[in-house]
Protein backbone atom coordinates (compact mmCIF):
# COMPACT_ATOMS: atom_id res chain seq x y z
CA ILE A 1 -36.09 125.88 -94.92
CA LEU A 2 -38.74 124.52 -97.42
CA PHE A 3 -41.71 126.95 -97.08
CA VAL A 4 -45.00 124.74 -98.26
CA ASP A 5 -47.67 126.11 -99.68
CA PHE A 6 -51.33 123.88 -100.08
CA SER A 7 -53.37 124.63 -102.49
CA LEU A 8 -56.75 125.37 -101.19
CA ALA A 9 -55.85 123.16 -98.26
CA PHE A 10 -59.17 123.66 -96.16
CA ASN A 11 -61.19 122.87 -99.36
CA THR A 12 -59.70 119.78 -100.09
CA ILE A 13 -60.22 117.78 -96.56
CA ILE A 14 -61.95 114.72 -97.05
CA PRO A 15 -64.19 113.98 -94.45
CA ASN A 16 -64.34 110.14 -93.98
CA LEU A 17 -60.47 110.48 -94.19
CA LEU A 18 -60.26 112.57 -91.61
CA LEU A 19 -62.93 110.84 -89.66
CA GLN A 20 -60.61 107.79 -89.32
CA LYS A 21 -57.85 110.19 -88.14
CA LEU A 22 -59.81 111.34 -85.32
CA THR A 23 -61.01 107.19 -84.68
CA GLN A 24 -56.89 106.81 -84.38
CA LEU A 25 -56.58 109.78 -82.02
CA SER A 26 -59.32 108.66 -79.51
CA VAL A 27 -62.00 111.12 -80.42
CA PRO A 28 -65.54 110.25 -78.69
CA THR A 29 -67.55 108.90 -81.36
CA SER A 30 -69.92 111.48 -80.84
CA ILE A 31 -68.08 114.36 -81.95
CA CYS A 32 -66.98 112.62 -84.81
CA GLN A 33 -70.49 111.83 -85.88
CA TRP A 34 -71.14 115.69 -85.18
CA ILE A 35 -67.94 116.91 -86.99
CA THR A 36 -68.91 114.19 -90.13
CA SER A 37 -72.31 115.77 -90.14
CA PHE A 38 -71.31 119.47 -89.90
CA LEU A 39 -68.74 118.82 -92.90
CA THR A 40 -70.97 116.82 -95.14
CA ASP A 41 -74.08 117.40 -97.49
CA ARG A 42 -73.33 121.82 -97.27
CA GLN A 43 -75.43 123.81 -99.55
CA GLN A 44 -74.25 126.60 -101.20
CA LEU A 45 -74.73 129.02 -103.92
CA VAL A 46 -73.30 132.40 -105.51
CA LYS A 47 -75.19 135.49 -104.77
CA LEU A 48 -74.66 138.91 -106.89
CA GLY A 49 -77.01 141.37 -106.85
CA LYS A 50 -80.45 140.20 -107.13
CA PHE A 51 -79.02 136.99 -109.04
CA SER A 52 -78.40 133.46 -107.34
CA SER A 53 -76.97 130.52 -109.06
CA CYS A 54 -78.39 127.31 -108.60
CA THR A 55 -77.54 125.44 -105.06
CA ARG A 56 -74.86 122.93 -104.92
CA THR A 57 -74.36 120.20 -102.09
CA ILE A 58 -70.94 120.45 -101.21
CA SER A 59 -69.39 117.17 -99.39
CA THR A 60 -65.92 117.62 -98.81
CA GLY A 61 -63.29 120.30 -97.66
CA ALA A 62 -63.86 122.53 -94.34
CA PRO A 63 -65.84 126.13 -94.76
CA GLN A 64 -63.47 129.18 -94.96
CA GLY A 65 -63.44 131.64 -92.63
CA CYS A 66 -65.07 129.25 -89.90
CA VAL A 67 -63.00 128.90 -86.44
CA LEU A 68 -63.17 124.97 -86.53
CA SER A 69 -61.60 124.51 -89.93
CA PRO A 70 -57.88 125.32 -88.85
CA LEU A 71 -58.14 122.93 -86.21
CA LEU A 72 -59.67 120.28 -88.05
CA PHE A 73 -56.93 120.55 -90.67
CA SER A 74 -54.11 120.21 -88.05
CA LEU A 75 -56.09 117.19 -86.98
CA TYR A 76 -55.96 116.00 -90.73
CA THR A 77 -51.93 116.51 -90.99
CA ASN A 78 -51.16 115.15 -87.59
CA ASP A 79 -50.22 111.97 -88.94
CA CYS A 80 -47.40 114.12 -91.57
CA THR A 81 -44.11 114.04 -89.27
CA SER A 82 -40.68 113.49 -90.03
CA LYS A 83 -38.80 110.54 -89.71
CA ASP A 84 -35.11 111.55 -89.38
CA PRO A 85 -34.20 113.78 -86.37
CA SER A 86 -32.23 116.14 -88.56
CA VAL A 87 -35.51 116.88 -89.99
CA LYS A 88 -37.98 119.01 -88.35
CA LEU A 89 -41.64 119.46 -89.62
CA LEU A 90 -43.45 122.71 -88.32
CA LYS A 91 -47.14 122.98 -89.11
CA PHE A 92 -49.08 126.06 -87.78
CA ALA A 93 -53.08 125.27 -89.58
CA ASP A 94 -51.93 125.52 -93.12
CA ASP A 95 -48.55 126.47 -92.72
CA THR A 96 -45.83 124.04 -93.07
CA THR A 97 -42.19 124.44 -93.02
CA VAL A 98 -39.61 121.64 -93.57
CA ILE A 99 -36.36 122.53 -91.71
CA GLY A 100 -33.37 120.52 -92.86
CA ARG A 101 -29.85 120.82 -90.46
CA ILE A 102 -27.45 119.63 -93.43
CA GLN A 103 -23.65 118.56 -92.63
CA ASP A 104 -20.65 118.52 -94.75
CA GLY A 105 -23.18 118.88 -97.87
CA ASP A 106 -25.23 115.72 -97.24
CA GLU A 107 -28.89 116.85 -98.16
CA SER A 108 -29.94 113.46 -98.48
CA ALA A 109 -32.39 113.18 -95.31
CA TYR A 110 -33.80 116.72 -95.92
CA ARG A 111 -34.75 115.75 -99.61
CA GLN A 112 -36.06 112.26 -98.25
CA GLU A 113 -38.42 113.92 -96.06
CA VAL A 114 -39.48 116.63 -98.78
CA LYS A 115 -40.13 113.39 -100.97
CA GLU A 116 -41.88 111.69 -98.13
CA LEU A 117 -44.06 115.19 -97.76
CA THR A 118 -44.77 114.37 -101.58
CA VAL A 119 -46.21 111.23 -101.07
CA TRP A 120 -48.39 111.65 -97.69
CA CYS A 121 -50.19 114.61 -99.72
CA SER A 122 -51.05 112.41 -102.25
CA ARG A 123 -51.80 109.58 -100.11
CA ASN A 124 -54.51 112.62 -98.26
CA THR A 125 -55.96 114.44 -101.35
CA LEU A 126 -53.42 117.66 -100.53
CA GLU A 127 -51.67 119.01 -103.74
CA LEU A 128 -48.45 121.11 -103.24
CA ASN A 129 -48.62 124.21 -104.86
CA THR A 130 -45.18 124.00 -106.35
CA LEU A 131 -45.53 127.69 -107.66
CA LYS A 132 -45.91 129.22 -104.22
CA THR A 133 -43.51 126.73 -102.36
CA VAL A 134 -40.03 128.50 -102.11
CA GLU A 135 -36.87 127.21 -100.32
CA MET A 136 -34.64 129.17 -98.13
CA THR A 137 -30.86 128.36 -97.31
CA VAL A 138 -29.48 129.78 -94.22
CA ASP A 139 -25.60 129.40 -94.45
CA PHE A 140 -23.19 131.62 -92.67
CA ARG A 141 -20.08 130.49 -94.34
CA LYS A 142 -17.90 132.95 -96.22
CA ASN A 143 -18.17 131.42 -99.35
CA PRO A 144 -20.68 128.61 -99.49
CA PRO A 145 -20.96 125.94 -101.97
CA ALA A 146 -23.86 126.09 -104.42
CA LEU A 147 -26.90 123.68 -103.56
CA PRO A 148 -28.36 121.48 -106.57
CA SER A 149 -32.17 122.69 -106.93
CA LEU A 150 -34.86 121.27 -105.01
CA THR A 151 -37.56 119.52 -107.35
CA ILE A 152 -40.91 118.52 -106.44
CA MET A 153 -43.42 116.98 -109.18
CA ASP A 154 -40.79 117.29 -111.67
CA SER A 155 -41.30 121.45 -110.96
CA THR A 156 -38.11 123.52 -109.51
CA VAL A 157 -38.74 125.29 -106.28
CA MET A 158 -37.99 128.55 -106.54
CA THR A 159 -35.26 130.01 -104.03
CA VAL A 160 -35.44 133.15 -102.24
CA GLU A 161 -33.52 135.57 -99.70
CA THR A 162 -36.20 136.62 -97.64
CA PHE A 163 -39.83 135.03 -96.96
CA ARG A 164 -42.95 136.62 -94.74
CA PHE A 165 -44.19 133.44 -92.72
CA LEU A 166 -46.74 134.03 -89.92
CA GLY A 167 -46.74 137.59 -90.19
CA SER A 168 -42.91 137.94 -89.62
CA THR A 169 -40.27 138.46 -92.48
CA ILE A 170 -37.57 135.67 -92.05
CA SER A 171 -34.56 136.62 -93.59
CA GLN A 172 -31.63 134.23 -94.70
CA ASP A 173 -28.98 135.74 -92.53
CA LEU A 174 -31.57 135.70 -89.60
CA LYS A 175 -31.41 139.45 -89.19
CA TRP A 176 -34.91 141.94 -88.57
CA ASP A 177 -34.00 144.64 -90.56
CA ILE A 178 -36.41 143.96 -93.46
CA HIS A 179 -39.42 143.02 -91.10
CA ILE A 180 -38.68 146.13 -88.76
CA ASP A 181 -38.51 148.18 -91.72
CA ALA A 182 -41.92 147.04 -92.51
CA ILE A 183 -43.10 147.46 -89.19
CA VAL A 184 -41.82 150.96 -89.06
CA LYS A 185 -44.04 152.09 -92.15
CA LYS A 186 -47.10 150.74 -91.54
CA PRO A 187 -47.59 152.17 -88.13
CA GLN A 188 -46.78 155.25 -89.32
CA GLN A 189 -49.78 155.16 -92.10
CA ARG A 190 -52.17 154.48 -89.32
CA LEU A 191 -50.92 157.14 -87.24
CA PHE A 192 -52.88 159.73 -89.83
CA PHE A 193 -56.27 158.60 -88.08
CA LEU A 194 -55.28 159.46 -84.95
CA PRO A 195 -55.29 163.65 -85.40
CA GLN A 196 -58.68 163.06 -87.51
CA LEU A 197 -60.45 161.54 -84.22
CA ARG A 198 -59.22 163.67 -82.01
CA LYS A 199 -60.94 166.41 -84.29
CA PHE A 200 -64.17 164.98 -83.37
CA ASN A 201 -63.66 165.41 -79.59
CA LEU A 202 -63.06 161.61 -79.31
CA PRO A 203 -63.04 160.85 -75.62
CA GLN A 204 -59.09 160.04 -74.62
CA GLU A 205 -60.05 156.88 -73.58
CA LEU A 206 -61.42 155.58 -77.06
CA LEU A 207 -57.76 157.24 -78.74
CA LYS A 208 -56.53 155.04 -76.85
CA GLN A 209 -58.28 151.81 -77.84
CA PHE A 210 -57.82 152.72 -81.21
CA TYR A 211 -53.86 153.22 -80.81
CA THR A 212 -53.96 149.77 -78.83
CA ALA A 213 -56.25 147.98 -81.55
CA ILE A 214 -54.96 149.29 -84.53
CA ILE A 215 -51.06 150.80 -84.19
CA GLU A 216 -49.57 148.96 -81.21
CA SER A 217 -50.88 145.49 -82.28
CA VAL A 218 -48.91 146.36 -85.08
CA LEU A 219 -45.75 147.17 -83.42
CA CYS A 220 -45.98 144.17 -81.46
CA THR A 221 -46.24 141.49 -83.92
CA SER A 222 -43.97 138.84 -83.17
CA ILE A 223 -42.15 141.12 -80.55
CA THR A 224 -41.16 138.29 -78.10
CA VAL A 225 -39.13 137.18 -81.45
CA TRP A 226 -36.97 140.28 -82.68
CA PHE A 227 -36.90 142.77 -80.24
CA SER A 228 -34.08 141.58 -78.38
CA SER A 229 -32.31 141.14 -81.37
CA ALA A 230 -32.92 144.79 -82.73
CA THR A 231 -30.67 147.52 -82.84
CA LYS A 232 -30.44 150.53 -80.91
CA SER A 233 -31.58 152.70 -83.95
CA ASP A 234 -34.50 150.40 -84.52
CA HIS A 235 -35.42 150.81 -81.09
CA ILE A 236 -35.52 154.46 -81.39
CA ARG A 237 -37.24 154.49 -84.83
CA LEU A 238 -39.64 152.00 -83.51
CA GLN A 239 -40.55 154.46 -79.90
CA ARG A 240 -40.65 157.30 -81.93
CA THR A 241 -44.16 155.93 -83.28
CA VAL A 242 -45.23 155.50 -79.56
CA ARG A 243 -44.34 159.20 -78.86
CA THR A 244 -46.26 160.54 -81.69
CA ALA A 245 -49.06 158.72 -80.50
CA GLU A 246 -48.57 159.95 -76.77
CA ARG A 247 -47.99 163.55 -78.31
CA ILE A 248 -51.61 163.09 -80.05
CA ILE A 249 -53.58 161.70 -77.44
CA GLY A 250 -52.40 163.36 -74.83
CA THR A 251 -51.14 160.85 -72.35
CA ASN A 252 -48.34 158.22 -71.42
CA LEU A 253 -48.78 154.71 -73.51
CA PRO A 254 -46.69 151.80 -72.70
CA THR A 255 -43.18 151.69 -74.08
CA LEU A 256 -42.16 148.68 -76.42
CA GLN A 257 -39.70 147.73 -73.91
CA GLU A 258 -42.69 147.38 -71.19
CA LEU A 259 -44.41 145.10 -73.81
CA TYR A 260 -41.72 143.32 -74.67
CA LEU A 261 -41.01 142.18 -71.36
CA SER A 262 -44.78 142.08 -70.46
CA ARG A 263 -45.23 139.68 -73.25
CA VAL A 264 -41.81 138.02 -72.63
CA SER A 265 -43.10 137.42 -69.05
CA LYS A 266 -46.66 136.00 -70.22
CA LYS A 267 -45.01 133.36 -72.88
CA ALA A 268 -42.55 131.93 -70.26
CA GLY A 269 -45.30 131.76 -67.85
CA LYS A 270 -47.09 129.18 -70.39
CA ILE A 271 -44.25 126.96 -71.49
CA THR A 272 -43.42 126.65 -67.72
CA LEU A 273 -47.29 125.37 -67.32
CA ASP A 274 -46.98 122.95 -70.55
CA PRO A 275 -44.61 120.08 -70.32
CA SER A 276 -45.40 119.22 -74.15
CA HIS A 277 -43.51 122.46 -75.41
CA PRO A 278 -40.37 121.84 -77.18
CA ALA A 279 -38.63 124.90 -74.84
CA HIS A 280 -40.22 123.55 -71.51
CA SER A 281 -36.97 121.83 -70.63
CA LEU A 282 -35.05 125.27 -70.98
CA PHE A 283 -37.24 126.77 -68.16
CA GLU A 284 -36.62 126.25 -64.40
CA LEU A 285 -38.67 127.56 -61.51
CA LEU A 286 -37.49 129.21 -58.76
CA PRO A 287 -38.32 128.66 -55.58
CA SER A 288 -40.48 131.75 -54.25
């Protein structure tokens, strides 16, 4: 698994090149013109206290923090695909992952796709950050042979045992111990604020809203992925945080099991309604 990092991803989008890609995707001309106008001739300056720098005109990249920027980057990289069926290229905004299935020690397809990705980036003015791009090997054999190092642009890619990807810590043994340890620790730190808020006689409903937004949101990060694989002791550790919050707030809160089932049901419903989803064929609607 190659976790790819781009240097200043959104800032390197070339509007004219993006316009060509949008046209190929049959995006209406009016929208293409609007996006081009949005990205070009932007005024930018740096302000510190009472002092301001000279204004500069920017005609490349997409504004950081703009809700449109991740979508534009996804469209910009839409034509970056894998040609070999044994290699998958997963993209989520500027997070790109190359997953190669290696059989009988043959890495040629995987390495070729990485090479193709490097060439594509060069042609589309995107720069791979070789210092932050890392590789992880998932191999369940007792004594797996050492694999040769992967090199990108004359730089050796670092090999890691764990990597934080889209908010979840992925381990090469595909277990969730490290991820769950982090999930348990963070909400416990935030529990400190609940009794402090209660001292100010904050209404119970507002305390529940605080819990949902600040604590439950952390406990439920990627819960549809890891909860079913967690051990019973992990479930107990996680639920302990919920029970502590219940005692402080003075009311019942949804258990993690309930939240998990609710979100799995919601996710499954979306998949069944989306024929383009990779897992759509795995679901079959039963007659009511």
